[in-house]
């Protein structure tokens, strides 16, 4: 693991985040500014 080389920033691919809204999966990047702000403020939890 120590000998792995990380790619340059120009070679990296941006990760696209998807979320489920009203039963449909949509990329967060497709949200309007208000919905993106709301998504950032959401509290995520894990059910046990």
C-alpha atoms as a PDB file:
ATOM      1  CA  UNK A   1       0.000   0.000   0.000  1.00  0.00           C
ATOM      2  CA  UNK A   2       2.895   2.371   0.654  1.00  0.00           C
ATOM      3  CA  UNK A   3       4.078   2.290  -2.956  1.00  0.00           C
ATOM      4  CA  UNK A   4       0.778   3.410  -4.512  1.00  0.00           C
ATOM      5  CA  UNK A   5       0.861   6.662  -6.448  1.00  0.00           C
ATOM      6  CA  UNK A   6      -2.155   8.971  -6.351  1.00  0.00           C
ATOM      7  CA  UNK A   7      -3.309  10.402  -9.693  1.00  0.00           C
ATOM      8  CA  UNK A   8      -2.927  14.095 -10.453  1.00  0.00           C
ATOM      9  CA  UNK A   9      -5.983  16.262  -9.838  1.00  0.00           C
ATOM     10  CA  UNK A  10      -6.459  16.557 -13.610  1.00  0.00           C
ATOM     11  CA  UNK A  11      -6.836  12.746 -13.853  1.00  0.00           C
ATOM     12  CA  UNK A  12      -9.292  12.362 -10.981  1.00  0.00           C
ATOM     13  CA  UNK A  13     -13.027  11.960 -11.539  1.00  0.00           C
ATOM     14  CA  UNK A  14     -15.515  13.853  -9.387  1.00  0.00           C
ATOM     15  CA  UNK A  15     -17.840  11.614  -7.367  1.00  0.00           C
ATOM     16  CA  UNK A  16     -21.516  12.237  -8.086  1.00  0.00           C
ATOM     17  CA  UNK A  17     -23.823  11.947  -5.086  1.00  0.00           C
ATOM     18  CA  UNK A  18     -27.333  10.570  -5.636  1.00  0.00           C
ATOM     19  CA  UNK A  19     -30.218  10.653  -3.201  1.00  0.00           C
ATOM     20  CA  UNK A  20     -33.773   9.362  -3.092  1.00  0.00           C
ATOM     21  CA  UNK A  21     -36.475  12.028  -3.258  1.00  0.00           C
ATOM     22  CA  UNK A  22     -40.150  11.081  -3.283  1.00  0.00           C
ATOM     23  CA  UNK A  23     -39.320   7.527  -4.387  1.00  0.00           C
ATOM     24  CA  UNK A  24     -37.013   8.562  -7.245  1.00  0.00           C
ATOM     25  CA  UNK A  25     -33.205   8.519  -7.285  1.00  0.00           C
ATOM     26  CA  UNK A  26     -31.700  11.793  -8.536  1.00  0.00           C
ATOM     27  CA  UNK A  27     -28.214  13.289  -8.569  1.00  0.00           C
ATOM     28  CA  UNK A  28     -27.787  16.108  -6.065  1.00  0.00           C
ATOM     29  CA  UNK A  29     -26.130  18.173  -8.811  1.00  0.00           C
ATOM     30  CA  UNK A  30     -29.516  18.297 -10.602  1.00  0.00           C
ATOM     31  CA  UNK A  31     -31.180  20.000  -7.608  1.00  0.00           C
ATOM     32  CA  UNK A  32     -31.833  23.737  -7.591  1.00  0.00           C
ATOM     33  CA  UNK A  33     -29.852  25.915  -5.138  1.00  0.00           C
ATOM     34  CA  UNK A  34     -32.522  25.716  -2.434  1.00  0.00           C
ATOM     35  CA  UNK A  35     -32.782  21.936  -2.562  1.00  0.00           C
ATOM     36  CA  UNK A  36     -28.965  21.557  -2.569  1.00  0.00           C
ATOM     37  CA  UNK A  37     -28.794  23.725   0.559  1.00  0.00           C
ATOM     38  CA  UNK A  38     -31.527  21.638   2.189  1.00  0.00           C
ATOM     39  CA  UNK A  39     -29.641  18.436   1.320  1.00  0.00           C
ATOM     40  CA  UNK A  40     -26.445  19.730   2.995  1.00  0.00           C
ATOM     41  CA  UNK A  41     -28.393  20.476   6.200  1.00  0.00           C
ATOM     42  CA  UNK A  42     -30.020  17.034   6.459  1.00  0.00           C
ATOM     43  CA  UNK A  43     -29.194  14.812   9.401  1.00  0.00           C
ATOM     44  CA  UNK A  44     -28.135  11.337   8.300  1.00  0.00           C
ATOM     45  CA  UNK A  45     -28.655   8.412  10.630  1.00  0.00           C
ATOM     46  CA  UNK A  46     -28.145   4.681  10.589  1.00  0.00           C
ATOM     47  CA  UNK A  47     -30.929   2.385  11.754  1.00  0.00           C
ATOM     48  CA  UNK A  48     -29.796  -0.402  14.069  1.00  0.00           C
END
